[in-house]
Amino acid sequence: MKLLLLEDDDLLAESLAETLQDEGYSVDTATRVRVAESLMASEDYALVILDLGLPDGSGLDLLEHWREQGRDLPVLALTARDTWEDKVIGLRRGADDYLTKPFHEAELLARLHALLRRRSGSTTSIIEVNGISLDEHTQRVSTDQNVWQDLTATEFRLLRYLMHHPNRVHSKERLLDQLYSLEQDAPAPNLVEVYIGRLRRRLGKQRIQTRRGQGYVFVAP
């Protein structure tokens, strides 16, 4: 899944981005409202981590603007303001959760995972689709819930995205966009085919189908 991190503290943003990437997420970072607006208009994000105190505008105003546009993705607000009144205002203006600085990264990850589970309708860290079980915490996959296979970071990101969006056709471009952030070097054009092939060897060819000229589909009943 691809996340947007809007944080004007460069050191904090870099640290959080590295932590999130270690958890299997692709992360785009922004330090200004105008950059975040541009990214939101062009990219497909699963969640936003939003600092409310920004140098060129209000994070809450930006959030309210997104909600007015109909963007309903989860937003985890970060702020140094810790009064209950500030939290109430943030939640009423569209935040799904609220975390005050300073914070432990483990707590941020736990809140982020909870928001994404709620979004997908899941109550556990295990996604189950068409006989495949994927543990998002351990980044392992099983075809029988007895033997679990470790996945590489890229295999995990690709499979998680496909399993969260079953029976949809995903172009190579969309899958590459979900696997890599804008800050990373452009990947090789055939990278998607390589990792689709690896997943098929693990899961069986019938689980991920090719739609010629369109892309790939993770098949679910």
Protein backbone atom coordinates (compact mmCIF):
# COMPACT_ATOMS: atom_id res chain seq x y z
CA MET A 1 0.00 0.00 0.00
CA LYS A 2 1.11 3.53 -0.67
CA LEU A 3 1.02 6.14 2.08
CA LEU A 4 1.38 9.92 2.04
CA LEU A 5 3.43 11.42 4.87
CA LEU A 6 3.01 15.18 5.29
CA GLU A 7 5.57 16.37 7.86
CA ASP A 8 7.72 19.51 7.75
CA ASP A 9 10.38 18.22 10.16
CA ASP A 10 12.88 16.67 7.74
CA LEU A 11 14.56 14.40 10.30
CA LEU A 12 11.24 13.10 11.64
CA ALA A 13 9.90 12.60 8.12
CA GLU A 14 12.99 10.64 7.07
CA SER A 15 12.86 8.46 10.18
CA LEU A 16 9.14 7.74 9.80
CA ALA A 17 9.47 7.00 6.10
CA GLU A 18 12.23 4.44 6.79
CA THR A 19 10.14 2.81 9.53
CA LEU A 20 7.08 2.59 7.30
CA GLN A 21 9.11 1.17 4.42
CA ASP A 22 10.47 -1.50 6.78
CA GLU A 23 6.82 -2.36 7.53
CA GLY A 24 6.18 -2.97 3.84
CA TYR A 25 4.66 0.35 2.80
CA SER A 26 5.60 2.61 -0.08
CA VAL A 27 5.81 6.20 1.19
CA ASP A 28 5.68 9.57 -0.54
CA THR A 29 6.70 12.49 1.66
CA ALA A 30 5.76 16.17 1.50
CA THR A 31 6.70 19.13 3.67
CA ARG A 32 4.25 21.69 2.27
CA VAL A 33 0.49 21.87 1.78
CA ARG A 34 0.82 22.71 -1.92
CA VAL A 35 3.01 19.65 -2.54
CA ALA A 36 0.56 17.40 -0.67
CA GLU A 37 -2.34 18.76 -2.72
CA SER A 38 -0.48 17.99 -5.94
CA LEU A 39 0.40 14.46 -4.83
CA MET A 40 -3.13 13.72 -3.68
CA ALA A 41 -4.47 14.74 -7.07
CA SER A 42 -2.15 12.40 -8.97
CA GLU A 43 -1.46 9.41 -6.69
CA ASP A 44 -3.54 6.62 -5.14
CA TYR A 45 -2.94 6.50 -1.37
CA ALA A 46 -4.30 4.07 1.21
CA LEU A 47 -3.73 6.42 4.17
CA VAL A 48 -2.33 9.84 5.07
CA ILE A 49 -0.18 10.75 8.07
CA LEU A 50 -0.78 14.48 8.42
CA ASP A 51 1.14 16.99 10.52
CA LEU A 52 -1.30 19.76 11.40
CA GLY A 53 1.28 22.54 11.89
CA LEU A 54 2.72 23.31 8.45
CA PRO A 55 4.74 26.30 7.23
CA ASP A 56 2.49 27.22 4.30
CA GLY A 57 -0.97 26.49 5.68
CA SER A 58 -3.12 24.58 8.10
CA GLY A 59 -3.17 20.81 8.02
CA LEU A 60 -6.74 20.90 9.29
CA ASP A 61 -7.81 23.20 6.46
CA LEU A 62 -6.19 20.83 3.98
CA LEU A 63 -7.91 17.85 5.58
CA GLU A 64 -11.29 19.58 5.52
CA HIS A 65 -10.73 20.43 1.85
CA TRP A 66 -10.00 16.77 1.04
CA ARG A 67 -13.17 15.68 2.84
CA GLU A 68 -15.21 18.23 0.93
CA GLN A 69 -13.79 16.75 -2.29
CA GLY A 70 -15.08 13.35 -1.20
CA ARG A 71 -11.72 11.82 -0.33
CA ASP A 72 -12.53 9.29 2.37
CA LEU A 73 -9.16 7.62 2.93
CA PRO A 74 -8.04 7.28 6.58
CA VAL A 75 -6.06 10.20 8.01
CA LEU A 76 -3.87 9.97 11.11
CA ALA A 77 -3.24 13.49 12.41
CA LEU A 78 0.04 14.43 14.13
CA THR A 79 0.32 17.54 16.27
CA ALA A 80 2.10 19.09 19.23
CA ARG A 81 -1.26 20.34 20.56
CA ASP A 82 -2.36 17.93 23.26
CA THR A 83 -5.51 19.39 24.82
CA TRP A 84 -8.76 17.46 24.51
CA GLU A 85 -10.32 20.46 22.78
CA ASP A 86 -7.72 20.31 20.01
CA LYS A 87 -8.35 16.59 19.55
CA VAL A 88 -12.11 17.11 19.32
CA ILE A 89 -11.64 19.81 16.67
CA GLY A 90 -9.30 17.60 14.67
CA LEU A 91 -11.68 14.64 14.74
CA ARG A 92 -14.68 16.79 13.84
CA ARG A 93 -12.85 18.27 10.85
CA GLY A 94 -12.12 14.86 9.36
CA ALA A 95 -9.24 13.11 11.15
CA ASP A 96 -9.75 9.41 11.86
CA ASP A 97 -7.20 9.28 14.68
CA TYR A 98 -5.01 11.73 16.54
CA LEU A 99 -1.46 11.33 17.86
CA THR A 100 0.40 14.00 19.81
CA LYS A 101 4.14 14.69 19.61
CA PRO A 102 6.42 13.36 20.87
CA PHE A 103 5.27 9.80 20.23
CA HIS A 104 6.70 6.29 20.02
CA GLU A 105 6.90 4.92 16.48
CA ALA A 106 5.44 1.62 17.74
CA GLU A 107 2.27 3.46 18.78
CA LEU A 108 2.02 5.21 15.43
CA LEU A 109 2.36 1.87 13.63
CA ALA A 110 -0.28 0.27 15.85
CA ARG A 111 -2.73 3.10 15.16
CA LEU A 112 -1.95 3.00 11.45
CA HIS A 113 -2.54 -0.76 11.28
CA ALA A 114 -5.81 -0.38 13.19
CA LEU A 115 -7.05 2.27 10.74
CA LEU A 116 -6.20 0.10 7.75
CA ARG A 117 -7.81 -2.99 9.30
CA ARG A 118 -10.96 -0.99 9.99
CA ARG A 119 -10.90 0.26 6.43
CA SER A 120 -10.69 -3.25 5.01
CA GLY A 121 -13.24 -4.68 7.44
CA SER A 122 -10.68 -7.03 9.00
CA THR A 123 -10.25 -7.64 12.72
CA THR A 124 -6.86 -9.39 12.54
CA SER A 125 -3.53 -8.93 10.80
CA ILE A 126 -4.24 -11.89 8.51
CA ILE A 127 -5.87 -11.34 5.12
CA GLU A 128 -7.60 -14.39 3.63
CA VAL A 129 -8.60 -14.47 -0.04
CA ASN A 130 -9.29 -17.54 -2.19
CA GLY A 131 -7.44 -19.94 0.09
CA ILE A 132 -4.42 -17.68 0.53
CA SER A 133 -3.54 -16.31 3.97
CA LEU A 134 -1.24 -13.30 4.28
CA ASP A 135 0.04 -12.17 7.69
CA GLU A 136 0.69 -8.44 7.44
CA HIS A 137 2.72 -8.36 10.65
CA THR A 138 5.15 -11.18 9.89
CA GLN A 139 5.07 -10.67 6.09
CA ARG A 140 4.51 -14.38 5.48
CA VAL A 141 2.06 -16.23 3.26
CA SER A 142 0.40 -19.63 3.47
CA THR A 143 -1.72 -21.70 1.10
CA ASP A 144 -2.94 -24.09 3.82
CA GLN A 145 -2.53 -22.11 7.11
CA ASN A 146 0.00 -24.71 8.28
CA VAL A 147 3.16 -23.98 6.32
CA TRP A 148 4.11 -20.30 6.14
CA GLN A 149 6.57 -18.88 3.62
CA ASP A 150 8.62 -15.74 4.17
CA LEU A 151 8.21 -13.06 1.52
CA THR A 152 10.69 -10.47 0.36
CA ALA A 153 9.68 -6.86 0.97
CA THR A 154 8.65 -6.35 -2.66
CA GLU A 155 6.77 -9.65 -2.87
CA PHE A 156 4.88 -8.70 0.28
CA ARG A 157 3.93 -5.23 -0.93
CA LEU A 158 2.73 -6.57 -4.27
CA LEU A 159 0.74 -9.46 -2.83
CA ARG A 160 -0.84 -7.33 -0.12
CA TYR A 161 -2.03 -4.78 -2.67
CA LEU A 162 -3.48 -7.49 -4.93
CA MET A 163 -5.24 -9.23 -2.03
CA HIS A 164 -6.73 -5.97 -0.76
CA HIS A 165 -8.12 -5.38 -4.28
CA PRO A 166 -9.19 -8.82 -5.60
CA ASN A 167 -10.99 -9.34 -8.92
CA ARG A 168 -9.76 -5.99 -10.24
CA VAL A 169 -7.51 -5.50 -13.25
CA HIS A 170 -4.29 -3.73 -12.22
CA SER A 171 -2.03 -2.32 -14.90
CA LYS A 172 1.74 -2.68 -14.62
CA GLU A 173 1.99 1.07 -14.14
CA ARG A 174 -0.43 1.05 -11.20
CA LEU A 175 1.39 -1.83 -9.53
CA LEU A 176 4.76 -0.13 -9.94
CA ASP A 177 3.28 3.03 -8.47
CA GLN A 178 2.19 1.08 -5.40
CA LEU A 179 5.55 -0.66 -5.02
CA TYR A 180 7.82 2.36 -5.20
CA SER A 181 7.71 5.91 -3.89
CA LEU A 182 8.29 8.93 -6.10
CA GLU A 183 11.66 9.55 -4.43
CA GLN A 184 13.05 6.20 -5.53
CA ASP A 185 14.79 5.57 -8.84
CA ALA A 186 12.54 4.37 -11.64
CA PRO A 187 12.37 0.55 -11.54
CA ALA A 188 13.04 -1.70 -14.51
CA PRO A 189 10.01 -2.01 -16.83
CA ASN A 190 9.83 -5.80 -16.44
CA LEU A 191 9.94 -5.74 -12.63
CA VAL A 192 6.23 -6.47 -12.23
CA GLU A 193 6.46 -9.56 -14.45
CA VAL A 194 9.40 -10.85 -12.40
CA TYR A 195 7.57 -10.55 -9.07
CA ILE A 196 4.26 -11.82 -10.45
CA GLY A 197 6.18 -14.89 -11.59
CA ARG A 198 7.66 -15.37 -8.11
CA LEU A 199 4.25 -15.12 -6.47
CA ARG A 200 2.75 -17.60 -8.94
CA ARG A 201 5.45 -20.12 -8.07
CA ARG A 202 4.55 -19.74 -4.39
CA LEU A 203 0.77 -19.63 -4.72
CA GLY A 204 -0.09 -21.40 -7.95
CA LYS A 205 -0.55 -19.94 -11.42
CA GLN A 206 -4.35 -19.85 -11.19
CA ARG A 207 -4.38 -17.31 -8.32
CA ILE A 208 -2.98 -14.40 -10.36
CA GLN A 209 -4.26 -14.17 -13.92
CA THR A 210 -2.93 -12.10 -16.81
CA ARG A 211 -5.32 -9.97 -18.81
CA ARG A 212 -3.47 -9.39 -22.05
CA GLY A 213 -2.96 -5.73 -22.79
CA GLN A 214 -4.53 -4.74 -19.45
CA GLY A 215 -2.63 -6.15 -16.48
CA TYR A 216 -3.12 -8.67 -13.69
CA VAL A 217 -6.00 -9.90 -11.53
CA PHE A 218 -5.87 -11.65 -8.15
CA VAL A 219 -8.80 -14.03 -8.51
CA ALA A 220 -11.29 -14.48 -5.67
CA PRO A 221 -14.58 -16.45 -5.70
